[in-house]
Amino acid sequence: MVVSPKPVAGGYLIQSGIYGIIRHPGYVGIFMASFGVSLWKHDLVRIILSLCLLILFDVKTRIEESWLSKTYADYDQYKIAVKKKFIPWIY
């Protein structure tokens, strides 16, 4: 498992599909699964941990986006076009 994925040299920036709506759909999926199980189990500790996971993903994406900006010349334009990191029209 890669904890801090860096852009691959010679790779390309995907801007279509779900990536045309939000910039980090993988993290959203992990958070939604975690939060969903927390609500299903009615477990306040798990809910708090899920929210902490969201904060972790927010910090992690800031680091990753700086790498992406350095690797892909059009990443800053992509960030302008796709304003939301996690939740369409919200955040």
PDB file of N, CA and C in Angstrom:
ATOM      1  N   MET A   1       0.856  -1.183   0.000  1.00  0.00           N
ATOM      2  CA  MET A   1       0.000   0.000   0.000  1.00  0.00           C
ATOM      3  C   MET A   1       0.896   1.238   0.000  1.00  0.00           C
ATOM      4  N   VAL A   2       0.596   2.152  -0.901  1.00  0.00           N
ATOM      5  CA  VAL A   2       1.357   3.388  -1.008  1.00  0.00           C
ATOM      6  C   VAL A   2       0.690   4.443  -0.142  1.00  0.00           C
ATOM      7  N   VAL A   3       1.416   4.954   0.835  1.00  0.00           N
ATOM      8  CA  VAL A   3       0.858   5.929   1.760  1.00  0.00           C
ATOM      9  C   VAL A   3       0.895   7.334   1.171  1.00  0.00           C
ATOM     10  N   SER A   4       1.967   7.682   0.509  1.00  0.00           N
ATOM     11  CA  SER A   4       2.115   9.015  -0.087  1.00  0.00           C
ATOM     12  C   SER A   4       2.423   8.874  -1.573  1.00  0.00           C
ATOM     13  N   PRO A   5       1.396   8.660  -2.381  1.00  0.00           N
ATOM     14  CA  PRO A   5       1.653   8.455  -3.808  1.00  0.00           C
ATOM     15  C   PRO A   5       2.165   9.730  -4.466  1.00  0.00           C
ATOM     16  N   LYS A   6       3.211   9.573  -5.248  1.00  0.00           N
ATOM     17  CA  LYS A   6       3.743  10.690  -6.023  1.00  0.00           C
ATOM     18  C   LYS A   6       3.372  10.452  -7.488  1.00  0.00           C
ATOM     19  N   PRO A   7       3.224  11.538  -8.248  1.00  0.00           N
ATOM     20  CA  PRO A   7       2.920  11.377  -9.667  1.00  0.00           C
ATOM     21  C   PRO A   7       4.019  10.587 -10.377  1.00  0.00           C
ATOM     22  N   VAL A   8       3.611   9.788 -11.323  1.00  0.00           N
ATOM     23  CA  VAL A   8       4.537   8.956 -12.074  1.00  0.00           C
ATOM     24  C   VAL A   8       5.161   9.774 -13.200  1.00  0.00           C
ATOM     25  N   ALA A   9       6.466   9.688 -13.331  1.00  0.00           N
ATOM     26  CA  ALA A   9       7.143  10.370 -14.437  1.00  0.00           C
ATOM     27  C   ALA A   9       6.634   9.797 -15.756  1.00  0.00           C
ATOM     28  N   GLY A  10       6.299  10.657 -16.663  1.00  0.00           N
ATOM     29  CA  GLY A  10       5.778  10.211 -17.955  1.00  0.00           C
ATOM     30  C   GLY A  10       4.290   9.906 -17.929  1.00  0.00           C
ATOM     31  N   GLY A  11       3.660  10.112 -16.780  1.00  0.00           N
ATOM     32  CA  GLY A  11       2.220   9.867 -16.667  1.00  0.00           C
ATOM     33  C   GLY A  11       1.436  11.032 -17.249  1.00  0.00           C
ATOM     34  N   TYR A  12       0.141  10.964 -17.092  1.00  0.00           N
ATOM     35  CA  TYR A  12      -0.701  12.051 -17.586  1.00  0.00           C
ATOM     36  C   TYR A  12      -1.794  12.351 -16.578  1.00  0.00           C
ATOM     37  N   LEU A  13      -2.331  13.535 -16.667  1.00  0.00           N
ATOM     38  CA  LEU A  13      -3.354  14.006 -15.742  1.00  0.00           C
ATOM     39  C   LEU A  13      -4.735  13.641 -16.277  1.00  0.00           C
ATOM     40  N   ILE A  14      -5.489  12.875 -15.510  1.00  0.00           N
ATOM     41  CA  ILE A  14      -6.854  12.514 -15.900  1.00  0.00           C
ATOM     42  C   ILE A  14      -7.788  13.628 -15.453  1.00  0.00           C
ATOM     43  N   GLN A  15      -8.564  14.158 -16.396  1.00  0.00           N
ATOM     44  CA  GLN A  15      -9.467  15.266 -16.104  1.00  0.00           C
ATOM     45  C   GLN A  15     -10.914  14.958 -16.480  1.00  0.00           C
ATOM     46  N   SER A  16     -11.182  13.733 -16.876  1.00  0.00           N
ATOM     47  CA  SER A  16     -12.535  13.373 -17.314  1.00  0.00           C
ATOM     48  C   SER A  16     -13.190  12.438 -16.304  1.00  0.00           C
ATOM     49  N   GLY A  17     -14.449  12.132 -16.561  1.00  0.00           N
ATOM     50  CA  GLY A  17     -15.187  11.255 -15.663  1.00  0.00           C
ATOM     51  C   GLY A  17     -15.398  11.908 -14.312  1.00  0.00           C
ATOM     52  N   ILE A  18     -15.270  11.126 -13.259  1.00  0.00           N
ATOM     53  CA  ILE A  18     -15.464  11.648 -11.909  1.00  0.00           C
ATOM     54  C   ILE A  18     -14.427  12.731 -11.587  1.00  0.00           C
ATOM     55  N   TYR A  19     -13.246  12.640 -12.210  1.00  0.00           N
ATOM     56  CA  TYR A  19     -12.204  13.641 -11.991  1.00  0.00           C
ATOM     57  C   TYR A  19     -12.567  14.998 -12.597  1.00  0.00           C
ATOM     58  N   GLY A  20     -13.586  15.041 -13.412  1.00  0.00           N
ATOM     59  CA  GLY A  20     -14.093  16.302 -13.936  1.00  0.00           C
ATOM     60  C   GLY A  20     -15.063  16.968 -12.975  1.00  0.00           C
ATOM     61  N   ILE A  21     -15.412  16.269 -11.893  1.00  0.00           N
ATOM     62  CA  ILE A  21     -16.360  16.798 -10.899  1.00  0.00           C
ATOM     63  C   ILE A  21     -15.657  17.093  -9.573  1.00  0.00           C
ATOM     64  N   ILE A  22     -14.852  16.125  -9.101  1.00  0.00           N
ATOM     65  CA  ILE A  22     -14.059  16.304  -7.879  1.00  0.00           C
ATOM     66  C   ILE A  22     -12.645  15.810  -8.142  1.00  0.00           C
ATOM     67  N   ARG A  23     -11.685  16.345  -7.394  1.00  0.00           N
ATOM     68  CA  ARG A  23     -10.278  16.027  -7.653  1.00  0.00           C
ATOM     69  C   ARG A  23      -9.780  14.763  -6.951  1.00  0.00           C
ATOM     70  N   HIS A  24     -10.421  14.324  -5.882  1.00  0.00           N
ATOM     71  CA  HIS A  24      -9.908  13.169  -5.113  1.00  0.00           C
ATOM     72  C   HIS A  24     -11.029  12.172  -4.782  1.00  0.00           C
ATOM     73  N   PRO A  25     -11.579  11.518  -5.799  1.00  0.00           N
ATOM     74  CA  PRO A  25     -12.708  10.609  -5.541  1.00  0.00           C
ATOM     75  C   PRO A  25     -12.351   9.378  -4.709  1.00  0.00           C
ATOM     76  N   GLY A  26     -11.118   8.918  -4.778  1.00  0.00           N
ATOM     77  CA  GLY A  26     -10.724   7.746  -3.985  1.00  0.00           C
ATOM     78  C   GLY A  26     -10.835   7.999  -2.498  1.00  0.00           C
ATOM     79  N   TYR A  27     -10.378   9.161  -2.067  1.00  0.00           N
ATOM     80  CA  TYR A  27     -10.462   9.506  -0.655  1.00  0.00           C
ATOM     81  C   TYR A  27     -11.916   9.677  -0.214  1.00  0.00           C
ATOM     82  N   VAL A  28     -12.733  10.195  -1.102  1.00  0.00           N
ATOM     83  CA  VAL A  28     -14.161  10.347  -0.789  1.00  0.00           C
ATOM     84  C   VAL A  28     -14.794   8.983  -0.551  1.00  0.00           C
ATOM     85  N   GLY A  29     -14.456   8.020  -1.385  1.00  0.00           N
ATOM     86  CA  GLY A  29     -15.004   6.671  -1.228  1.00  0.00           C
ATOM     87  C   GLY A  29     -14.611   6.036   0.094  1.00  0.00           C
ATOM     88  N   ILE A  30     -13.352   6.185   0.458  1.00  0.00           N
ATOM     89  CA  ILE A  30     -12.880   5.626   1.727  1.00  0.00           C
ATOM     90  C   ILE A  30     -13.587   6.307   2.897  1.00  0.00           C
ATOM     91  N   PHE A  31     -13.692   7.634   2.845  1.00  0.00           N
ATOM     92  CA  PHE A  31     -14.359   8.359   3.926  1.00  0.00           C
ATOM     93  C   PHE A  31     -15.827   7.961   4.027  1.00  0.00           C
ATOM     94  N   MET A  32     -16.523   7.897   2.888  1.00  0.00           N
ATOM     95  CA  MET A  32     -17.950   7.554   2.916  1.00  0.00           C
ATOM     96  C   MET A  32     -18.184   6.163   3.478  1.00  0.00           C
ATOM     97  N   ALA A  33     -17.321   5.217   3.129  1.00  0.00           N
ATOM     98  CA  ALA A  33     -17.454   3.861   3.678  1.00  0.00           C
ATOM     99  C   ALA A  33     -17.237   3.877   5.191  1.00  0.00           C
ATOM    100  N   SER A  34     -16.205   4.575   5.623  1.00  0.00           N
ATOM    101  CA  SER A  34     -15.902   4.667   7.052  1.00  0.00           C
ATOM    102  C   SER A  34     -17.040   5.341   7.816  1.00  0.00           C
ATOM    103  N   PHE A  35     -17.494   6.463   7.291  1.00  0.00           N
ATOM    104  CA  PHE A  35     -18.558   7.209   7.960  1.00  0.00           C
ATOM    105  C   PHE A  35     -19.878   6.432   7.934  1.00  0.00           C
ATOM    106  N   GLY A  36     -20.149   5.763   6.826  1.00  0.00           N
ATOM    107  CA  GLY A  36     -21.367   4.962   6.719  1.00  0.00           C
ATOM    108  C   GLY A  36     -21.415   3.832   7.737  1.00  0.00           C
ATOM    109  N   VAL A  37     -20.311   3.134   7.891  1.00  0.00           N
ATOM    110  CA  VAL A  37     -20.248   2.052   8.887  1.00  0.00           C
ATOM    111  C   VAL A  37     -20.400   2.639  10.289  1.00  0.00           C
ATOM    112  N   SER A  38     -19.803   3.793  10.516  1.00  0.00           N
ATOM    113  CA  SER A  38     -19.908   4.445  11.827  1.00  0.00           C
ATOM    114  C   SER A  38     -21.352   4.770  12.175  1.00  0.00           C
ATOM    115  N   LEU A  39     -22.073   5.308  11.189  1.00  0.00           N
ATOM    116  CA  LEU A  39     -23.493   5.613  11.421  1.00  0.00           C
ATOM    117  C   LEU A  39     -24.316   4.344  11.591  1.00  0.00           C
ATOM    118  N   TRP A  40     -24.025   3.341  10.790  1.00  0.00           N
ATOM    119  CA  TRP A  40     -24.748   2.074  10.860  1.00  0.00           C
ATOM    120  C   TRP A  40     -24.572   1.419  12.230  1.00  0.00           C
ATOM    121  N   LYS A  41     -23.359   1.509  12.771  1.00  0.00           N
ATOM    122  CA  LYS A  41     -23.069   0.911  14.080  1.00  0.00           C
ATOM    123  C   LYS A  41     -23.477   1.821  15.244  1.00  0.00           C
ATOM    124  N   HIS A  42     -23.916   3.057  14.930  1.00  0.00           N
ATOM    125  CA  HIS A  42     -24.281   4.031  15.976  1.00  0.00           C
ATOM    126  C   HIS A  42     -23.156   4.193  16.993  1.00  0.00           C
ATOM    127  N   ASP A  43     -21.952   4.384  16.454  1.00  0.00           N
ATOM    128  CA  ASP A  43     -20.756   4.430  17.298  1.00  0.00           C
ATOM    129  C   ASP A  43     -20.118   5.808  17.200  1.00  0.00           C
ATOM    130  N   LEU A  44     -20.225   6.581  18.269  1.00  0.00           N
ATOM    131  CA  LEU A  44     -19.701   7.941  18.294  1.00  0.00           C
ATOM    132  C   LEU A  44     -18.178   7.971  18.102  1.00  0.00           C
ATOM    133  N   VAL A  45     -17.482   7.020  18.676  1.00  0.00           N
ATOM    134  CA  VAL A  45     -16.021   6.976  18.536  1.00  0.00           C
ATOM    135  C   VAL A  45     -15.646   6.783  17.060  1.00  0.00           C
ATOM    136  N   ARG A  46     -16.345   5.878  16.380  1.00  0.00           N
ATOM    137  CA  ARG A  46     -16.070   5.658  14.953  1.00  0.00           C
ATOM    138  C   ARG A  46     -16.429   6.887  14.126  1.00  0.00           C
ATOM    139  N   ILE A  47     -17.478   7.573  14.478  1.00  0.00           N
ATOM    140  CA  ILE A  47     -17.854   8.796  13.759  1.00  0.00           C
ATOM    141  C   ILE A  47     -16.741   9.832  13.902  1.00  0.00           C
ATOM    142  N   ILE A  48     -16.243  10.001  15.108  1.00  0.00           N
ATOM    143  CA  ILE A  48     -15.155  10.955  15.348  1.00  0.00           C
ATOM    144  C   ILE A  48     -13.898  10.538  14.586  1.00  0.00           C
ATOM    145  N   LEU A  49     -13.595   9.250  14.597  1.00  0.00           N
ATOM    146  CA  LEU A  49     -12.433   8.767  13.846  1.00  0.00           C
ATOM    147  C   LEU A  49     -12.611   8.975  12.345  1.00  0.00           C
ATOM    148  N   SER A  50     -13.812   8.807  11.849  1.00  0.00           N
ATOM    149  CA  SER A  50     -14.086   9.063  10.432  1.00  0.00           C
ATOM    150  C   SER A  50     -13.857  10.526  10.091  1.00  0.00           C
ATOM    151  N   LEU A  51     -14.282  11.420  10.969  1.00  0.00           N
ATOM    152  CA  LEU A  51     -14.056  12.847  10.743  1.00  0.00           C
ATOM    153  C   LEU A  51     -12.565  13.172  10.793  1.00  0.00           C
ATOM    154  N   CYS A  52     -11.841  12.487  11.672  1.00  0.00           N
ATOM    155  CA  CYS A  52     -10.378  12.660  11.716  1.00  0.00           C
ATOM    156  C   CYS A  52      -9.741  12.172  10.412  1.00  0.00           C
ATOM    157  N   LEU A  53     -10.298  11.105   9.854  1.00  0.00           N
ATOM    158  CA  LEU A  53      -9.825  10.595   8.577  1.00  0.00           C
ATOM    159  C   LEU A  53     -10.015  11.643   7.479  1.00  0.00           C
ATOM    160  N   LEU A  54     -11.135  12.335   7.499  1.00  0.00           N
ATOM    161  CA  LEU A  54     -11.391  13.392   6.531  1.00  0.00           C
ATOM    162  C   LEU A  54     -10.359  14.519   6.670  1.00  0.00           C
ATOM    163  N   ILE A  55     -10.023  14.868   7.895  1.00  0.00           N
ATOM    164  CA  ILE A  55      -8.999  15.895   8.130  1.00  0.00           C
ATOM    165  C   ILE A  55      -7.645  15.411   7.604  1.00  0.00           C
ATOM    166  N   LEU A  56      -7.312  14.152   7.874  1.00  0.00           N
ATOM    167  CA  LEU A  56      -6.068  13.575   7.373  1.00  0.00           C
ATOM    168  C   LEU A  56      -6.018  13.643   5.850  1.00  0.00           C
ATOM    169  N   PHE A  57      -7.114  13.270   5.187  1.00  0.00           N
ATOM    170  CA  PHE A  57      -7.156  13.314   3.729  1.00  0.00           C
ATOM    171  C   PHE A  57      -7.004  14.741   3.214  1.00  0.00           C
ATOM    172  N   ASP A  58      -7.563  15.704   3.923  1.00  0.00           N
ATOM    173  CA  ASP A  58      -7.433  17.097   3.507  1.00  0.00           C
ATOM    174  C   ASP A  58      -5.967  17.532   3.541  1.00  0.00           C
ATOM    175  N   VAL A  59      -5.279  17.197   4.621  1.00  0.00           N
ATOM    176  CA  VAL A  59      -3.856  17.545   4.744  1.00  0.00           C
ATOM    177  C   VAL A  59      -3.044  16.793   3.684  1.00  0.00           C
ATOM    178  N   LYS A  60      -3.335  15.521   3.520  1.00  0.00           N
ATOM    179  CA  LYS A  60      -2.618  14.677   2.557  1.00  0.00           C
ATOM    180  C   LYS A  60      -2.773  15.204   1.134  1.00  0.00           C
ATOM    181  N   THR A  61      -3.968  15.652   0.781  1.00  0.00           N
ATOM    182  CA  THR A  61      -4.186  16.148  -0.578  1.00  0.00           C
ATOM    183  C   THR A  61      -3.438  17.457  -0.829  1.00  0.00           C
ATOM    184  N   ARG A  62      -3.240  18.245   0.196  1.00  0.00           N
ATOM    185  CA  ARG A  62      -2.456  19.480   0.017  1.00  0.00           C
ATOM    186  C   ARG A  62      -1.022  19.151  -0.396  1.00  0.00           C
ATOM    187  N   ILE A  63      -0.450  18.149   0.231  1.00  0.00           N
ATOM    188  CA  ILE A  63       0.905  17.716  -0.112  1.00  0.00           C
ATOM    189  C   ILE A  63       0.921  17.138  -1.527  1.00  0.00           C
ATOM    190  N   GLU A  64      -0.018  16.243  -1.800  1.00  0.00           N
ATOM    191  CA  GLU A  64      -0.075  15.604  -3.111  1.00  0.00           C
ATOM    192  C   GLU A  64      -0.315  16.618  -4.226  1.00  0.00           C
ATOM    193  N   GLU A  65      -1.153  17.612  -3.970  1.00  0.00           N
ATOM    194  CA  GLU A  65      -1.439  18.601  -5.012  1.00  0.00           C
ATOM    195  C   GLU A  65      -0.216  19.469  -5.301  1.00  0.00           C
ATOM    196  N   SER A  66       0.644  19.679  -4.322  1.00  0.00           N
ATOM    197  CA  SER A  66       1.878  20.422  -4.614  1.00  0.00           C
ATOM    198  C   SER A  66       2.771  19.591  -5.535  1.00  0.00           C
ATOM    199  N   TRP A  67       2.821  18.263  -5.329  1.00  0.00           N
ATOM    200  CA  TRP A  67       3.577  17.392  -6.226  1.00  0.00           C
ATOM    201  C   TRP A  67       2.978  17.407  -7.624  1.00  0.00           C
ATOM    202  N   LEU A  68       1.646  17.342  -7.681  1.00  0.00           N
ATOM    203  CA  LEU A  68       0.972  17.332  -8.982  1.00  0.00           C
ATOM    204  C   LEU A  68       1.224  18.629  -9.744  1.00  0.00           C
ATOM    205  N   SER A  69       1.234  19.753  -9.045  1.00  0.00           N
ATOM    206  CA  SER A  69       1.500  21.040  -9.691  1.00  0.00           C
ATOM    207  C   SER A  69       2.908  21.089 -10.268  1.00  0.00           C
ATOM    208  N   LYS A  70       3.853  20.464  -9.584  1.00  0.00           N
ATOM    209  CA  LYS A  70       5.233  20.443 -10.071  1.00  0.00           C
ATOM    210  C   LYS A  70       5.413  19.474 -11.238  1.00  0.00           C
ATOM    211  N   THR A  71       4.622  18.406 -11.268  1.00  0.00           N
ATOM    212  CA  THR A  71       4.775  17.379 -12.289  1.00  0.00           C
ATOM    213  C   THR A  71       3.998  17.703 -13.563  1.00  0.00           C
ATOM    214  N   TYR A  72       2.775  18.213 -13.421  1.00  0.00           N
ATOM    215  CA  TYR A  72       1.912  18.457 -14.567  1.00  0.00           C
ATOM    216  C   TYR A  72       1.684  19.956 -14.732  1.00  0.00           C
ATOM    217  N   ALA A  73       2.120  20.491 -15.856  1.00  0.00           N
ATOM    218  CA  ALA A  73       2.014  21.927 -16.118  1.00  0.00           C
ATOM    219  C   ALA A  73       0.575  22.421 -16.093  1.00  0.00           C
ATOM    220  N   ASP A  74      -0.373  21.561 -16.447  1.00  0.00           N
ATOM    221  CA  ASP A  74      -1.777  21.983 -16.503  1.00  0.00           C
ATOM    222  C   ASP A  74      -2.562  21.693 -15.220  1.00  0.00           C
ATOM    223  N   TYR A  75      -1.876  21.276 -14.149  1.00  0.00           N
ATOM    224  CA  TYR A  75      -2.612  20.952 -12.917  1.00  0.00           C
ATOM    225  C   TYR A  75      -3.252  22.187 -12.281  1.00  0.00           C
ATOM    226  N   ASP A  76      -2.582  23.316 -12.311  1.00  0.00           N
ATOM    227  CA  ASP A  76      -3.163  24.520 -11.716  1.00  0.00           C
ATOM    228  C   ASP A  76      -4.429  24.945 -12.469  1.00  0.00           C
ATOM    229  N   GLN A  77      -4.435  24.789 -13.791  1.00  0.00           N
ATOM    230  CA  GLN A  77      -5.637  25.074 -14.580  1.00  0.00           C
ATOM    231  C   GLN A  77      -6.746  24.077 -14.224  1.00  0.00           C
ATOM    232  N   TYR A  78      -6.365  22.829 -14.019  1.00  0.00           N
ATOM    233  CA  TYR A  78      -7.320  21.797 -13.611  1.00  0.00           C
ATOM    234  C   TYR A  78      -7.961  22.156 -12.268  1.00  0.00           C
ATOM    235  N   LYS A  79      -7.153  22.642 -11.313  1.00  0.00           N
ATOM    236  CA  LYS A  79      -7.685  23.044 -10.005  1.00  0.00           C
ATOM    237  C   LYS A  79      -8.684  24.191 -10.131  1.00  0.00           C
ATOM    238  N   ILE A  80      -8.450  25.076 -11.079  1.00  0.00           N
ATOM    239  CA  ILE A  80      -9.388  26.176 -11.305  1.00  0.00           C
ATOM    240  C   ILE A  80     -10.683  25.636 -11.913  1.00  0.00           C
ATOM    241  N   ALA A  81     -10.556  24.719 -12.849  1.00  0.00           N
ATOM    242  CA  ALA A  81     -11.737  24.149 -13.517  1.00  0.00           C
ATOM    243  C   ALA A  81     -12.534  23.249 -12.579  1.00  0.00           C
ATOM    244  N   VAL A  82     -11.844  22.441 -11.786  1.00  0.00           N
ATOM    245  CA  VAL A  82     -12.485  21.520 -10.840  1.00  0.00           C
ATOM    246  C   VAL A  82     -12.158  22.042  -9.444  1.00  0.00           C
ATOM    247  N   LYS A  83     -13.012  22.924  -8.959  1.00  0.00           N
ATOM    248  CA  LYS A  83     -12.729  23.649  -7.722  1.00  0.00           C
ATOM    249  C   LYS A  83     -12.812  22.793  -6.460  1.00  0.00           C
ATOM    250  N   LYS A  84     -13.625  21.755  -6.477  1.00  0.00           N
ATOM    251  CA  LYS A  84     -13.883  20.989  -5.252  1.00  0.00           C
ATOM    252  C   LYS A  84     -13.010  19.748  -5.160  1.00  0.00           C
ATOM    253  N   LYS A  85     -12.446  19.549  -3.962  1.00  0.00           N
ATOM    254  CA  LYS A  85     -11.584  18.393  -3.726  1.00  0.00           C
ATOM    255  C   LYS A  85     -12.395  17.128  -3.450  1.00  0.00           C
ATOM    256  N   PHE A  86     -13.429  17.252  -2.637  1.00  0.00           N
ATOM    257  CA  PHE A  86     -14.118  16.071  -2.146  1.00  0.00           C
ATOM    258  C   PHE A  86     -15.608  16.007  -2.465  1.00  0.00           C
ATOM    259  N   ILE A  87     -16.318  17.098  -2.246  1.00  0.00           N
ATOM    260  CA  ILE A  87     -17.782  17.081  -2.363  1.00  0.00           C
ATOM    261  C   ILE A  87     -18.210  18.122  -3.407  1.00  0.00           C
ATOM    262  N   PRO A  88     -18.846  17.683  -4.494  1.00  0.00           N
ATOM    263  CA  PRO A  88     -19.243  18.636  -5.539  1.00  0.00           C
ATOM    264  C   PRO A  88     -20.063  19.795  -4.960  1.00  0.00           C
ATOM    265  N   TRP A  89     -19.751  21.000  -5.400  1.00  0.00           N
ATOM    266  CA  TRP A  89     -20.431  22.248  -5.042  1.00  0.00           C
ATOM    267  C   TRP A  89     -20.269  22.640  -3.570  1.00  0.00           C
ATOM    268  N   ILE A  90     -19.558  21.854  -2.768  1.00  0.00           N
ATOM    269  CA  ILE A  90     -19.427  22.164  -1.337  1.00  0.00           C
ATOM    270  C   ILE A  90     -17.962  22.325  -0.941  1.00  0.00           C
ATOM    271  N   TYR A  91     -17.153  21.245  -1.085  1.00  0.00           N
ATOM    272  CA  TYR A  91     -15.749  21.302  -0.661  1.00  0.00           C
ATOM    273  C   TYR A  91     -14.891  20.449  -1.550  1.00  0.00           C
TER     274      TYR A  91
END
